[in-house]
Amino acid sequence: MVNNNMKKELIQNLKRLIGQKLNILKFACQMVMLDFGKDAIHCQALTRISKNDDILFTTFDYQTWDQKESENNDEYYFFEKYKDEIVNGVVTDIKVSNTNDLIIEFDNGVKIEVFIANGYNHYDEENEQWCLLINVTEKHSKHYAVYNKNIEFYDLLEE
């Protein structure tokens, strides 16, 4: 089960994003990367991006591809179509549900939701679902990694 103190600390650090602008939205296959300057969120679980309650696309849309080019899929198509409506939005609210789903709302009507994709694990270790990276520099990274049932904090310093 999730350590409640760690979750409170994570939420406190997420609240720092309120008022920050989404500078960059990128993809690597099904991973969504949200860049807020010195802070970032990487989403490895199912991510849904909507605007004014209309779903624009999800990371599951990556599965609909032509089997030839990795960018020939609905995820990249709709990303290119809607990215100007998504990027530059300012965070107005950010929440973590009881099951650690992440919900980010922006002033432009955009909502990004990250859904924990797994329950309990049996055959393998827990999978990282999403993470918050704080004050990232080339040599230093602090981040909270949210797993299926666990939240971990890492403070990595490159020598």
N, C-alpha and C. Protein backbone atom coordinates (compact mmCIF):
# COMPACT_ATOMS: atom_id res chain seq x y z
N MET A 1 0.83 -1.19 0.00
CA MET A 1 0.00 0.00 0.00
C MET A 1 0.88 1.26 0.00
N VAL A 2 0.30 2.35 -0.39
CA VAL A 2 1.03 3.61 -0.53
C VAL A 2 1.29 4.22 0.84
N ASN A 3 2.51 4.69 1.03
CA ASN A 3 2.88 5.43 2.23
C ASN A 3 2.20 6.80 2.16
N ASN A 4 1.30 7.08 3.12
CA ASN A 4 0.54 8.33 3.08
C ASN A 4 1.41 9.57 3.20
N ASN A 5 2.50 9.50 3.97
CA ASN A 5 3.41 10.65 4.08
C ASN A 5 4.08 10.94 2.74
N MET A 6 4.48 9.87 2.03
CA MET A 6 5.11 10.04 0.72
C MET A 6 4.11 10.63 -0.27
N LYS A 7 2.86 10.18 -0.19
CA LYS A 7 1.84 10.70 -1.10
C LYS A 7 1.57 12.18 -0.81
N LYS A 8 1.51 12.56 0.46
CA LYS A 8 1.30 13.98 0.81
C LYS A 8 2.46 14.83 0.29
N GLU A 9 3.67 14.32 0.42
CA GLU A 9 4.85 15.04 -0.08
C GLU A 9 4.80 15.18 -1.60
N LEU A 10 4.40 14.10 -2.29
CA LEU A 10 4.25 14.14 -3.74
C LEU A 10 3.22 15.20 -4.14
N ILE A 11 2.06 15.19 -3.51
CA ILE A 11 0.99 16.14 -3.84
C ILE A 11 1.45 17.57 -3.58
N GLN A 12 2.17 17.78 -2.50
CA GLN A 12 2.69 19.12 -2.18
C GLN A 12 3.63 19.59 -3.30
N ASN A 13 4.46 18.70 -3.80
CA ASN A 13 5.38 19.07 -4.89
C ASN A 13 4.64 19.24 -6.21
N LEU A 14 3.59 18.46 -6.45
CA LEU A 14 2.78 18.64 -7.65
C LEU A 14 2.10 20.00 -7.66
N LYS A 15 1.67 20.45 -6.50
CA LYS A 15 0.96 21.75 -6.40
C LYS A 15 1.85 22.91 -6.84
N ARG A 16 3.19 22.69 -6.83
CA ARG A 16 4.12 23.72 -7.32
C ARG A 16 3.88 24.03 -8.80
N LEU A 17 3.25 23.08 -9.50
CA LEU A 17 3.02 23.26 -10.93
C LEU A 17 1.84 24.20 -11.22
N ILE A 18 0.98 24.43 -10.23
CA ILE A 18 -0.14 25.35 -10.45
C ILE A 18 0.40 26.73 -10.77
N GLY A 19 -0.07 27.29 -11.88
CA GLY A 19 0.42 28.58 -12.36
C GLY A 19 1.56 28.45 -13.36
N GLN A 20 2.11 27.24 -13.53
CA GLN A 20 3.18 27.05 -14.51
C GLN A 20 2.60 26.69 -15.88
N LYS A 21 3.33 27.09 -16.90
CA LYS A 21 2.92 26.86 -18.29
C LYS A 21 3.52 25.54 -18.79
N LEU A 22 2.72 24.78 -19.54
CA LEU A 22 3.23 23.59 -20.21
C LEU A 22 4.02 24.05 -21.42
N ASN A 23 5.34 23.94 -21.33
CA ASN A 23 6.22 24.43 -22.40
C ASN A 23 6.35 23.47 -23.56
N ILE A 24 6.47 22.18 -23.23
CA ILE A 24 6.73 21.17 -24.27
C ILE A 24 5.91 19.93 -23.95
N LEU A 25 5.34 19.33 -24.97
CA LEU A 25 4.65 18.05 -24.89
C LEU A 25 5.32 17.15 -25.91
N LYS A 26 5.89 16.02 -25.44
CA LYS A 26 6.61 15.11 -26.34
C LYS A 26 6.15 13.68 -26.09
N PHE A 27 6.47 12.82 -27.05
CA PHE A 27 6.14 11.40 -26.94
C PHE A 27 7.37 10.56 -27.24
N ALA A 28 7.45 9.40 -26.61
CA ALA A 28 8.39 8.35 -26.97
C ALA A 28 7.55 7.08 -26.93
N CYS A 29 7.12 6.62 -28.09
CA CYS A 29 6.15 5.52 -28.20
C CYS A 29 4.90 5.89 -27.42
N GLN A 30 4.65 5.19 -26.31
CA GLN A 30 3.44 5.47 -25.54
C GLN A 30 3.72 6.30 -24.29
N MET A 31 4.95 6.78 -24.11
CA MET A 31 5.25 7.62 -22.95
C MET A 31 5.06 9.09 -23.32
N VAL A 32 4.31 9.80 -22.47
CA VAL A 32 4.06 11.22 -22.66
C VAL A 32 5.00 11.98 -21.72
N MET A 33 5.65 13.00 -22.24
CA MET A 33 6.56 13.82 -21.45
C MET A 33 6.05 15.26 -21.44
N LEU A 34 5.74 15.75 -20.24
CA LEU A 34 5.24 17.11 -20.05
C LEU A 34 6.35 17.94 -19.44
N ASP A 35 6.74 19.01 -20.09
CA ASP A 35 7.86 19.84 -19.63
C ASP A 35 7.32 21.19 -19.17
N PHE A 36 7.60 21.52 -17.90
CA PHE A 36 7.17 22.79 -17.31
C PHE A 36 8.37 23.67 -16.97
N GLY A 37 9.46 23.54 -17.71
CA GLY A 37 10.67 24.30 -17.40
C GLY A 37 11.62 23.43 -16.59
N LYS A 38 11.80 23.75 -15.32
CA LYS A 38 12.68 22.95 -14.47
C LYS A 38 12.01 21.67 -13.97
N ASP A 39 10.69 21.62 -14.05
CA ASP A 39 9.94 20.45 -13.59
C ASP A 39 9.32 19.74 -14.79
N ALA A 40 9.08 18.45 -14.63
CA ALA A 40 8.49 17.66 -15.72
C ALA A 40 7.70 16.50 -15.13
N ILE A 41 6.81 15.98 -15.95
CA ILE A 41 6.08 14.77 -15.61
C ILE A 41 6.21 13.81 -16.78
N HIS A 42 6.59 12.58 -16.49
CA HIS A 42 6.67 11.53 -17.50
C HIS A 42 5.56 10.52 -17.20
N CYS A 43 4.77 10.20 -18.20
CA CYS A 43 3.60 9.34 -18.02
C CYS A 43 3.79 8.05 -18.83
N GLN A 44 3.99 6.94 -18.13
CA GLN A 44 4.15 5.66 -18.81
C GLN A 44 2.85 4.87 -18.88
N ALA A 45 1.87 5.22 -18.07
CA ALA A 45 0.58 4.53 -18.06
C ALA A 45 -0.35 5.17 -19.09
N LEU A 46 -1.54 4.59 -19.22
CA LEU A 46 -2.52 5.14 -20.15
C LEU A 46 -2.76 6.61 -19.84
N THR A 47 -2.56 7.45 -20.84
CA THR A 47 -2.73 8.90 -20.69
C THR A 47 -3.79 9.36 -21.67
N ARG A 48 -4.73 10.15 -21.16
CA ARG A 48 -5.82 10.67 -22.00
C ARG A 48 -5.75 12.19 -21.97
N ILE A 49 -5.80 12.80 -23.15
CA ILE A 49 -5.80 14.25 -23.27
C ILE A 49 -7.13 14.68 -23.88
N SER A 50 -7.84 15.54 -23.13
CA SER A 50 -9.14 16.01 -23.60
C SER A 50 -9.17 17.53 -23.52
N LYS A 51 -10.14 18.09 -24.22
CA LYS A 51 -10.35 19.54 -24.16
C LYS A 51 -11.85 19.78 -24.12
N ASN A 52 -12.28 20.53 -23.10
CA ASN A 52 -13.70 20.83 -22.93
C ASN A 52 -14.55 19.55 -23.00
N ASP A 53 -14.08 18.51 -22.29
CA ASP A 53 -14.77 17.22 -22.19
C ASP A 53 -14.86 16.44 -23.50
N ASP A 54 -14.02 16.77 -24.47
CA ASP A 54 -13.94 16.02 -25.72
C ASP A 54 -12.56 15.36 -25.76
N ILE A 55 -12.52 14.02 -25.86
CA ILE A 55 -11.23 13.32 -25.89
C ILE A 55 -10.54 13.63 -27.22
N LEU A 56 -9.33 14.21 -27.14
CA LEU A 56 -8.54 14.50 -28.33
C LEU A 56 -7.77 13.26 -28.77
N PHE A 57 -7.08 12.63 -27.82
CA PHE A 57 -6.37 11.38 -28.10
C PHE A 57 -5.88 10.76 -26.79
N THR A 58 -5.48 9.50 -26.90
CA THR A 58 -4.91 8.78 -25.76
C THR A 58 -3.63 8.09 -26.21
N THR A 59 -2.84 7.66 -25.26
CA THR A 59 -1.63 6.92 -25.63
C THR A 59 -1.97 5.55 -26.19
N PHE A 60 -3.16 5.05 -25.91
CA PHE A 60 -3.59 3.78 -26.51
C PHE A 60 -3.73 3.91 -28.02
N ASP A 61 -3.93 5.13 -28.51
CA ASP A 61 -4.04 5.38 -29.96
C ASP A 61 -2.76 5.02 -30.70
N TYR A 62 -1.65 4.86 -29.97
CA TYR A 62 -0.38 4.46 -30.59
C TYR A 62 -0.53 3.09 -31.24
N GLN A 63 -1.43 2.26 -30.70
CA GLN A 63 -1.60 0.90 -31.23
C GLN A 63 -2.18 0.87 -32.63
N THR A 64 -2.78 1.98 -33.07
CA THR A 64 -3.37 2.03 -34.41
C THR A 64 -2.34 2.62 -35.37
N TRP A 65 -1.43 1.79 -35.86
CA TRP A 65 -0.39 2.28 -36.75
C TRP A 65 -0.29 1.39 -37.98
N ASP A 66 0.44 1.88 -38.97
CA ASP A 66 0.50 1.21 -40.27
C ASP A 66 1.49 0.04 -40.31
N GLN A 67 2.12 -0.27 -39.20
CA GLN A 67 3.10 -1.38 -39.09
C GLN A 67 4.38 -1.12 -39.90
N LYS A 68 4.57 0.13 -40.36
CA LYS A 68 5.76 0.45 -41.14
C LYS A 68 6.58 1.55 -40.48
N GLU A 69 5.93 2.68 -40.21
CA GLU A 69 6.60 3.82 -39.61
C GLU A 69 6.05 4.05 -38.21
N SER A 70 6.93 4.22 -37.22
CA SER A 70 6.47 4.33 -35.83
C SER A 70 5.59 5.56 -35.59
N GLU A 71 5.73 6.59 -36.42
CA GLU A 71 4.92 7.79 -36.22
C GLU A 71 3.63 7.78 -37.04
N ASN A 72 3.40 6.74 -37.81
CA ASN A 72 2.16 6.63 -38.59
C ASN A 72 1.10 5.94 -37.76
N ASN A 73 0.58 6.67 -36.76
CA ASN A 73 -0.46 6.14 -35.88
C ASN A 73 -1.35 7.29 -35.42
N ASP A 74 -2.47 6.94 -34.83
CA ASP A 74 -3.43 7.98 -34.41
C ASP A 74 -2.88 8.87 -33.32
N GLU A 75 -2.03 8.34 -32.43
CA GLU A 75 -1.47 9.17 -31.36
C GLU A 75 -0.68 10.34 -31.95
N TYR A 76 0.24 10.06 -32.85
CA TYR A 76 1.05 11.12 -33.45
C TYR A 76 0.21 12.03 -34.35
N TYR A 77 -0.73 11.44 -35.08
CA TYR A 77 -1.58 12.24 -35.97
C TYR A 77 -2.33 13.29 -35.16
N PHE A 78 -3.02 12.85 -34.10
CA PHE A 78 -3.82 13.79 -33.30
C PHE A 78 -2.95 14.70 -32.45
N PHE A 79 -1.77 14.23 -32.05
CA PHE A 79 -0.83 15.10 -31.36
C PHE A 79 -0.46 16.28 -32.25
N GLU A 80 -0.10 16.01 -33.49
CA GLU A 80 0.26 17.08 -34.42
C GLU A 80 -0.94 18.00 -34.68
N LYS A 81 -2.12 17.43 -34.76
CA LYS A 81 -3.32 18.21 -35.03
C LYS A 81 -3.67 19.15 -33.88
N TYR A 82 -3.49 18.68 -32.63
CA TYR A 82 -3.96 19.44 -31.47
C TYR A 82 -2.87 20.05 -30.59
N LYS A 83 -1.60 19.84 -30.91
CA LYS A 83 -0.55 20.28 -29.97
C LYS A 83 -0.57 21.78 -29.70
N ASP A 84 -0.93 22.58 -30.70
CA ASP A 84 -0.97 24.04 -30.47
C ASP A 84 -2.07 24.44 -29.50
N GLU A 85 -3.11 23.61 -29.40
CA GLU A 85 -4.19 23.88 -28.44
C GLU A 85 -3.82 23.42 -27.03
N ILE A 86 -2.84 22.51 -26.93
CA ILE A 86 -2.47 21.92 -25.63
C ILE A 86 -1.30 22.67 -25.00
N VAL A 87 -0.23 22.83 -25.77
CA VAL A 87 0.99 23.47 -25.27
C VAL A 87 0.70 24.94 -24.95
N ASN A 88 1.37 25.45 -23.95
CA ASN A 88 1.26 26.82 -23.43
C ASN A 88 0.08 27.01 -22.49
N GLY A 89 -0.69 25.96 -22.24
CA GLY A 89 -1.73 26.06 -21.23
C GLY A 89 -1.09 26.18 -19.85
N VAL A 90 -1.74 26.92 -18.97
CA VAL A 90 -1.24 27.12 -17.60
C VAL A 90 -2.02 26.20 -16.66
N VAL A 91 -1.31 25.50 -15.80
CA VAL A 91 -1.93 24.57 -14.86
C VAL A 91 -2.81 25.35 -13.88
N THR A 92 -4.09 24.95 -13.79
CA THR A 92 -5.01 25.58 -12.84
C THR A 92 -5.32 24.66 -11.67
N ASP A 93 -5.20 23.34 -11.88
CA ASP A 93 -5.48 22.39 -10.81
C ASP A 93 -4.74 21.09 -11.11
N ILE A 94 -4.36 20.40 -10.05
CA ILE A 94 -3.68 19.12 -10.20
C ILE A 94 -4.07 18.25 -9.02
N LYS A 95 -4.46 17.01 -9.32
CA LYS A 95 -4.95 16.11 -8.27
C LYS A 95 -4.36 14.72 -8.47
N VAL A 96 -4.32 13.99 -7.36
CA VAL A 96 -3.97 12.58 -7.39
C VAL A 96 -5.13 11.84 -6.72
N SER A 97 -5.70 10.87 -7.42
CA SER A 97 -6.85 10.15 -6.89
C SER A 97 -6.42 9.15 -5.81
N ASN A 98 -7.38 8.50 -5.20
CA ASN A 98 -7.09 7.47 -4.19
C ASN A 98 -6.30 6.31 -4.78
N THR A 99 -6.43 6.08 -6.08
CA THR A 99 -5.69 4.99 -6.73
C THR A 99 -4.45 5.52 -7.45
N ASN A 100 -4.05 6.76 -7.15
CA ASN A 100 -2.85 7.41 -7.69
C ASN A 100 -2.94 7.81 -9.16
N ASP A 101 -4.16 7.86 -9.72
CA ASP A 101 -4.32 8.45 -11.04
C ASP A 101 -3.99 9.94 -10.92
N LEU A 102 -3.45 10.51 -11.98
CA LEU A 102 -3.06 11.92 -12.00
C LEU A 102 -4.01 12.69 -12.91
N ILE A 103 -4.51 13.82 -12.43
CA ILE A 103 -5.40 14.67 -13.22
C ILE A 103 -4.84 16.09 -13.20
N ILE A 104 -4.53 16.63 -14.40
CA ILE A 104 -4.00 17.98 -14.52
C ILE A 104 -4.97 18.79 -15.38
N GLU A 105 -5.40 19.94 -14.87
CA GLU A 105 -6.31 20.81 -15.62
C GLU A 105 -5.59 22.11 -15.95
N PHE A 106 -5.88 22.63 -17.16
CA PHE A 106 -5.22 23.82 -17.66
C PHE A 106 -6.25 24.92 -17.95
N ASP A 107 -5.76 26.16 -18.03
CA ASP A 107 -6.63 27.30 -18.27
C ASP A 107 -7.24 27.33 -19.67
N ASN A 108 -6.74 26.51 -20.58
CA ASN A 108 -7.24 26.48 -21.95
C ASN A 108 -8.28 25.37 -22.17
N GLY A 109 -8.80 24.79 -21.08
CA GLY A 109 -9.81 23.75 -21.19
C GLY A 109 -9.26 22.35 -21.36
N VAL A 110 -7.93 22.23 -21.42
CA VAL A 110 -7.29 20.92 -21.59
C VAL A 110 -7.21 20.22 -20.24
N LYS A 111 -7.42 18.91 -20.28
CA LYS A 111 -7.25 18.07 -19.10
C LYS A 111 -6.40 16.87 -19.51
N ILE A 112 -5.36 16.59 -18.73
CA ILE A 112 -4.52 15.42 -18.97
C ILE A 112 -4.72 14.48 -17.78
N GLU A 113 -5.12 13.24 -18.10
CA GLU A 113 -5.36 12.24 -17.06
C GLU A 113 -4.44 11.05 -17.30
N VAL A 114 -3.82 10.59 -16.23
CA VAL A 114 -2.93 9.43 -16.29
C VAL A 114 -3.53 8.37 -15.37
N PHE A 115 -3.86 7.21 -15.95
CA PHE A 115 -4.54 6.16 -15.21
C PHE A 115 -3.58 5.04 -14.84
N ILE A 116 -3.52 4.70 -13.56
CA ILE A 116 -2.70 3.57 -13.12
C ILE A 116 -3.19 2.35 -13.89
N ALA A 117 -2.25 1.67 -14.54
CA ALA A 117 -2.62 0.61 -15.49
C ALA A 117 -2.63 -0.78 -14.88
N ASN A 118 -2.12 -0.95 -13.69
CA ASN A 118 -2.02 -2.29 -13.11
C ASN A 118 -2.56 -2.29 -11.70
N GLY A 119 -3.03 -3.47 -11.27
CA GLY A 119 -3.40 -3.67 -9.88
C GLY A 119 -2.21 -4.27 -9.15
N TYR A 120 -2.45 -5.34 -8.45
CA TYR A 120 -1.37 -6.04 -7.77
C TYR A 120 -0.56 -6.82 -8.79
N ASN A 121 0.72 -6.95 -8.54
CA ASN A 121 1.56 -7.71 -9.45
C ASN A 121 1.77 -9.12 -8.90
N HIS A 122 1.90 -10.09 -9.79
CA HIS A 122 2.13 -11.47 -9.39
C HIS A 122 3.38 -12.04 -10.05
N TYR A 123 3.51 -11.84 -11.35
CA TYR A 123 4.60 -12.44 -12.09
C TYR A 123 5.83 -11.55 -12.23
N ASP A 124 5.64 -10.29 -12.02
CA ASP A 124 6.74 -9.35 -12.24
C ASP A 124 6.70 -8.30 -11.15
N GLU A 125 7.70 -7.44 -11.12
CA GLU A 125 7.73 -6.35 -10.15
C GLU A 125 6.75 -5.26 -10.57
N GLU A 126 6.49 -4.33 -9.65
CA GLU A 126 5.63 -3.21 -9.98
C GLU A 126 6.22 -2.42 -11.14
N ASN A 127 5.36 -1.83 -11.93
CA ASN A 127 5.78 -1.00 -13.05
C ASN A 127 5.60 0.46 -12.71
N GLU A 128 6.59 1.27 -13.09
CA GLU A 128 6.43 2.71 -12.91
C GLU A 128 5.32 3.19 -13.83
N GLN A 129 4.38 3.96 -13.27
CA GLN A 129 3.23 4.44 -14.02
C GLN A 129 3.41 5.88 -14.49
N TRP A 130 3.90 6.73 -13.60
CA TRP A 130 4.22 8.12 -13.95
C TRP A 130 5.20 8.65 -12.91
N CYS A 131 5.88 9.73 -13.26
CA CYS A 131 6.82 10.31 -12.30
C CYS A 131 6.86 11.83 -12.44
N LEU A 132 7.16 12.46 -11.32
CA LEU A 132 7.35 13.90 -11.25
C LEU A 132 8.83 14.16 -11.07
N LEU A 133 9.42 14.93 -11.99
CA LEU A 133 10.82 15.31 -11.91
C LEU A 133 10.88 16.76 -11.46
N ILE A 134 11.72 17.05 -10.46
CA ILE A 134 11.77 18.37 -9.84
C ILE A 134 13.14 19.01 -10.04
N ASN A 135 13.14 20.29 -10.44
CA ASN A 135 14.38 21.07 -10.59
C ASN A 135 15.48 20.28 -11.29
N VAL A 136 15.15 19.74 -12.44
CA VAL A 136 16.08 18.88 -13.18
C VAL A 136 17.20 19.72 -13.78
N THR A 137 18.43 19.26 -13.58
CA THR A 137 19.60 19.84 -14.25
C THR A 137 20.34 18.69 -14.94
N GLU A 138 21.40 19.00 -15.65
CA GLU A 138 22.16 17.96 -16.33
C GLU A 138 22.75 16.95 -15.35
N LYS A 139 23.10 17.40 -14.15
CA LYS A 139 23.78 16.52 -13.20
C LYS A 139 22.95 16.11 -12.00
N HIS A 140 21.76 16.66 -11.86
CA HIS A 140 20.98 16.37 -10.66
C HIS A 140 19.51 16.16 -11.01
N SER A 141 18.93 15.12 -10.44
CA SER A 141 17.52 14.82 -10.68
C SER A 141 16.89 14.35 -9.38
N LYS A 142 15.83 15.04 -8.99
CA LYS A 142 14.99 14.59 -7.88
C LYS A 142 13.67 14.20 -8.51
N HIS A 143 13.19 13.01 -8.16
CA HIS A 143 11.88 12.66 -8.71
C HIS A 143 11.13 11.67 -7.85
N TYR A 144 9.81 11.78 -7.98
CA TYR A 144 8.88 10.85 -7.34
C TYR A 144 8.40 9.90 -8.43
N ALA A 145 8.58 8.62 -8.21
CA ALA A 145 8.11 7.60 -9.14
C ALA A 145 6.87 6.95 -8.54
N VAL A 146 5.79 6.96 -9.29
CA VAL A 146 4.53 6.38 -8.85
C VAL A 146 4.38 5.02 -9.53
N TYR A 147 4.30 3.99 -8.72
CA TYR A 147 4.15 2.62 -9.21
C TYR A 147 2.70 2.18 -9.00
N ASN A 148 2.41 0.92 -9.26
CA ASN A 148 1.05 0.39 -9.11
C ASN A 148 0.50 0.67 -7.72
N LYS A 149 1.26 0.36 -6.68
CA LYS A 149 0.78 0.47 -5.30
C LYS A 149 1.77 1.20 -4.40
N ASN A 150 2.74 1.86 -4.97
CA ASN A 150 3.85 2.39 -4.20
C ASN A 150 4.32 3.71 -4.80
N ILE A 151 4.86 4.58 -3.97
CA ILE A 151 5.48 5.83 -4.43
C ILE A 151 6.89 5.88 -3.84
N GLU A 152 7.87 6.14 -4.67
CA GLU A 152 9.27 6.21 -4.23
C GLU A 152 9.83 7.59 -4.57
N PHE A 153 10.77 8.06 -3.75
CA PHE A 153 11.47 9.32 -4.01
C PHE A 153 12.93 8.99 -4.31
N TYR A 154 13.48 9.60 -5.35
CA TYR A 154 14.87 9.39 -5.75
C TYR A 154 15.56 10.74 -5.85
N ASP A 155 16.75 10.83 -5.30
CA ASP A 155 17.59 12.03 -5.40
C ASP A 155 18.89 11.59 -6.03
N LEU A 156 19.02 11.80 -7.34
CA LEU A 156 20.16 11.29 -8.10
C LEU A 156 21.11 12.42 -8.46
N LEU A 157 22.36 12.25 -8.09
CA LEU A 157 23.41 13.23 -8.39
C LEU A 157 24.47 12.55 -9.22
N GLU A 158 24.71 13.08 -10.42
CA GLU A 158 25.75 12.53 -11.30
C GLU A 158 27.07 13.20 -10.96
N GLU A 159 28.07 12.41 -10.79
CA GLU A 159 29.39 12.95 -10.41
C GLU A 159 30.21 13.28 -11.63
